[in-house]
Amino acid sequence: MRTVHIEGDYVISEFIMKGTHKGDFFGIKPTNKVLDITGVDIDKVIDGRIVEHGGAANTFETFFEHHLIRSV
């Protein structure tokens, strides 16, 4: 799923990634669980080309929900 907002030269995309945790990920051993991770991309577009890119994925919420990390 992707939602796109355009503001001037900037394109803001909200997304949901879905995948199966099959390999080591930042030291977390594979669980074979299906995970949904939300995030946002912010791109500056000039003349139809991306000239700047930034963004973030919210892994914390999903990892905490699936007990892959815990609070102290």
N, C-alpha and C. Protein backbone atom coordinates (compact mmCIF):
# COMPACT_ATOMS: atom_id res chain seq x y z
N MET A 1 0.83 -1.17 0.00
CA MET A 1 0.00 0.00 0.00
C MET A 1 0.88 1.24 0.00
N ARG A 2 0.51 2.22 -0.78
CA ARG A 2 1.28 3.46 -0.83
C ARG A 2 0.31 4.62 -0.98
N THR A 3 0.51 5.66 -0.17
CA THR A 3 -0.26 6.89 -0.27
C THR A 3 0.70 7.99 -0.65
N VAL A 4 0.36 8.80 -1.64
CA VAL A 4 1.27 9.84 -2.14
C VAL A 4 0.64 11.21 -1.97
N HIS A 5 1.44 12.16 -1.48
CA HIS A 5 1.04 13.56 -1.35
C HIS A 5 2.07 14.39 -2.10
N ILE A 6 1.62 15.39 -2.84
CA ILE A 6 2.54 16.26 -3.58
C ILE A 6 2.38 17.67 -3.05
N GLU A 7 3.51 18.29 -2.72
CA GLU A 7 3.53 19.66 -2.20
C GLU A 7 4.70 20.38 -2.86
N GLY A 8 4.40 21.22 -3.86
CA GLY A 8 5.47 21.91 -4.58
C GLY A 8 6.37 20.92 -5.29
N ASP A 9 7.69 21.00 -5.01
CA ASP A 9 8.67 20.09 -5.61
C ASP A 9 8.80 18.78 -4.85
N TYR A 10 8.06 18.62 -3.75
CA TYR A 10 8.24 17.45 -2.89
C TYR A 10 7.12 16.43 -3.06
N VAL A 11 7.51 15.16 -3.07
CA VAL A 11 6.57 14.05 -3.12
C VAL A 11 6.77 13.26 -1.83
N ILE A 12 5.70 13.12 -1.06
CA ILE A 12 5.76 12.40 0.20
C ILE A 12 4.95 11.12 0.04
N SER A 13 5.59 10.00 0.25
CA SER A 13 4.96 8.69 0.07
C SER A 13 4.93 7.94 1.39
N GLU A 14 3.75 7.57 1.84
CA GLU A 14 3.61 6.69 3.00
C GLU A 14 3.47 5.27 2.46
N PHE A 15 4.11 4.30 3.13
CA PHE A 15 4.06 2.94 2.61
C PHE A 15 3.97 1.91 3.71
N ILE A 16 3.56 0.71 3.34
CA ILE A 16 3.60 -0.46 4.20
C ILE A 16 4.34 -1.55 3.44
N MET A 17 5.42 -2.04 4.05
CA MET A 17 6.17 -3.16 3.48
C MET A 17 5.74 -4.43 4.20
N LYS A 18 5.64 -5.52 3.48
CA LYS A 18 5.29 -6.81 4.09
C LYS A 18 6.32 -7.83 3.64
N GLY A 19 6.81 -8.61 4.59
CA GLY A 19 7.79 -9.62 4.23
C GLY A 19 7.93 -10.66 5.33
N THR A 20 8.58 -11.75 5.00
CA THR A 20 8.81 -12.82 5.96
C THR A 20 10.23 -12.71 6.49
N HIS A 21 10.37 -12.72 7.80
CA HIS A 21 11.66 -12.57 8.47
C HIS A 21 12.43 -13.88 8.38
N LYS A 22 13.21 -14.03 7.31
CA LYS A 22 13.91 -15.29 7.05
C LYS A 22 15.41 -15.23 7.29
N GLY A 23 15.94 -14.05 7.49
CA GLY A 23 17.38 -13.93 7.69
C GLY A 23 17.69 -13.05 8.89
N ASP A 24 18.95 -13.08 9.33
CA ASP A 24 19.41 -12.24 10.42
C ASP A 24 19.17 -10.77 10.05
N PHE A 25 18.55 -10.02 10.93
CA PHE A 25 18.24 -8.61 10.65
C PHE A 25 18.68 -7.78 11.84
N PHE A 26 19.79 -7.05 11.69
CA PHE A 26 20.35 -6.23 12.77
C PHE A 26 20.53 -7.05 14.05
N GLY A 27 21.00 -8.29 13.91
CA GLY A 27 21.28 -9.14 15.05
C GLY A 27 20.08 -9.93 15.56
N ILE A 28 18.92 -9.75 14.95
CA ILE A 28 17.73 -10.50 15.36
C ILE A 28 17.66 -11.76 14.49
N LYS A 29 17.67 -12.90 15.13
CA LYS A 29 17.66 -14.18 14.41
C LYS A 29 16.34 -14.38 13.67
N PRO A 30 16.35 -15.11 12.55
CA PRO A 30 15.13 -15.34 11.76
C PRO A 30 14.03 -16.00 12.58
N THR A 31 12.77 -15.55 12.34
CA THR A 31 11.62 -16.10 13.05
C THR A 31 10.60 -16.71 12.10
N ASN A 32 10.74 -16.45 10.81
CA ASN A 32 9.78 -16.86 9.78
C ASN A 32 8.39 -16.24 9.99
N LYS A 33 8.31 -15.17 10.79
CA LYS A 33 7.05 -14.43 10.96
C LYS A 33 6.87 -13.47 9.80
N VAL A 34 5.62 -13.24 9.40
CA VAL A 34 5.31 -12.23 8.38
C VAL A 34 5.18 -10.89 9.11
N LEU A 35 5.96 -9.90 8.68
CA LEU A 35 5.99 -8.60 9.34
C LEU A 35 5.51 -7.51 8.39
N ASP A 36 4.76 -6.55 8.93
CA ASP A 36 4.35 -5.34 8.21
C ASP A 36 5.10 -4.18 8.84
N ILE A 37 5.81 -3.42 8.02
CA ILE A 37 6.57 -2.26 8.50
C ILE A 37 6.10 -1.03 7.75
N THR A 38 5.75 0.02 8.51
CA THR A 38 5.29 1.26 7.90
C THR A 38 6.46 2.22 7.76
N GLY A 39 6.30 3.19 6.85
CA GLY A 39 7.35 4.17 6.67
C GLY A 39 6.91 5.32 5.79
N VAL A 40 7.85 6.22 5.56
CA VAL A 40 7.60 7.39 4.73
C VAL A 40 8.86 7.69 3.91
N ASP A 41 8.66 8.08 2.65
CA ASP A 41 9.73 8.58 1.79
C ASP A 41 9.41 10.02 1.44
N ILE A 42 10.43 10.87 1.42
CA ILE A 42 10.27 12.26 1.01
C ILE A 42 11.29 12.53 -0.10
N ASP A 43 10.78 12.83 -1.29
CA ASP A 43 11.65 13.05 -2.44
C ASP A 43 11.41 14.45 -3.00
N LYS A 44 12.51 15.11 -3.37
CA LYS A 44 12.41 16.38 -4.08
C LYS A 44 12.59 16.07 -5.56
N VAL A 45 11.61 16.51 -6.38
CA VAL A 45 11.61 16.20 -7.80
C VAL A 45 11.72 17.51 -8.59
N ILE A 46 12.73 17.57 -9.45
CA ILE A 46 12.91 18.72 -10.34
C ILE A 46 13.06 18.18 -11.76
N ASP A 47 12.27 18.74 -12.67
CA ASP A 47 12.28 18.31 -14.07
C ASP A 47 12.10 16.80 -14.22
N GLY A 48 11.22 16.22 -13.39
CA GLY A 48 10.92 14.79 -13.49
C GLY A 48 11.98 13.86 -12.91
N ARG A 49 12.99 14.43 -12.23
CA ARG A 49 14.05 13.61 -11.65
C ARG A 49 14.12 13.82 -10.14
N ILE A 50 14.36 12.74 -9.43
CA ILE A 50 14.55 12.85 -7.98
C ILE A 50 15.95 13.40 -7.74
N VAL A 51 16.01 14.56 -7.07
CA VAL A 51 17.30 15.19 -6.80
C VAL A 51 17.69 15.10 -5.32
N GLU A 52 16.72 14.81 -4.46
CA GLU A 52 16.98 14.57 -3.04
C GLU A 52 16.05 13.47 -2.57
N HIS A 53 16.54 12.63 -1.66
CA HIS A 53 15.71 11.55 -1.12
C HIS A 53 15.97 11.41 0.37
N GLY A 54 14.92 11.20 1.11
CA GLY A 54 15.03 10.92 2.53
C GLY A 54 13.84 10.08 2.94
N GLY A 55 13.92 9.51 4.10
CA GLY A 55 12.79 8.72 4.57
C GLY A 55 13.14 7.92 5.79
N ALA A 56 12.13 7.20 6.28
CA ALA A 56 12.33 6.37 7.47
C ALA A 56 11.31 5.25 7.48
N ALA A 57 11.72 4.13 8.08
CA ALA A 57 10.82 3.00 8.28
C ALA A 57 10.66 2.79 9.78
N ASN A 58 9.43 2.52 10.22
CA ASN A 58 9.13 2.32 11.64
C ASN A 58 9.25 0.83 11.98
N THR A 59 10.47 0.38 12.19
CA THR A 59 10.68 -1.02 12.55
C THR A 59 10.36 -1.29 14.02
N PHE A 60 10.52 -0.27 14.88
CA PHE A 60 10.36 -0.46 16.32
C PHE A 60 9.00 -1.05 16.67
N GLU A 61 7.94 -0.42 16.19
CA GLU A 61 6.57 -0.85 16.54
C GLU A 61 6.33 -2.32 16.17
N THR A 62 6.71 -2.69 14.96
CA THR A 62 6.51 -4.07 14.49
C THR A 62 7.36 -5.05 15.28
N PHE A 63 8.63 -4.72 15.51
CA PHE A 63 9.51 -5.62 16.26
C PHE A 63 9.02 -5.82 17.69
N PHE A 64 8.56 -4.73 18.32
CA PHE A 64 8.06 -4.81 19.69
C PHE A 64 6.79 -5.67 19.74
N GLU A 65 5.87 -5.43 18.79
CA GLU A 65 4.61 -6.17 18.73
C GLU A 65 4.83 -7.68 18.58
N HIS A 66 5.86 -8.06 17.82
CA HIS A 66 6.15 -9.47 17.57
C HIS A 66 7.19 -10.05 18.53
N HIS A 67 7.48 -9.31 19.61
CA HIS A 67 8.41 -9.76 20.66
C HIS A 67 9.81 -10.04 20.14
N LEU A 68 10.22 -9.29 19.11
CA LEU A 68 11.59 -9.44 18.60
C LEU A 68 12.55 -8.55 19.38
N ILE A 69 11.99 -7.51 20.02
CA ILE A 69 12.73 -6.67 20.94
C ILE A 69 11.84 -6.49 22.17
N ARG A 70 12.43 -6.04 23.26
CA ARG A 70 11.64 -5.82 24.47
C ARG A 70 12.12 -4.56 25.18
N SER A 71 11.27 -4.01 26.01
CA SER A 71 11.66 -2.83 26.79
C SER A 71 12.44 -3.27 28.01
N VAL A 72 13.21 -2.37 28.55
CA VAL A 72 14.02 -2.70 29.74
C VAL A 72 13.45 -2.07 30.97
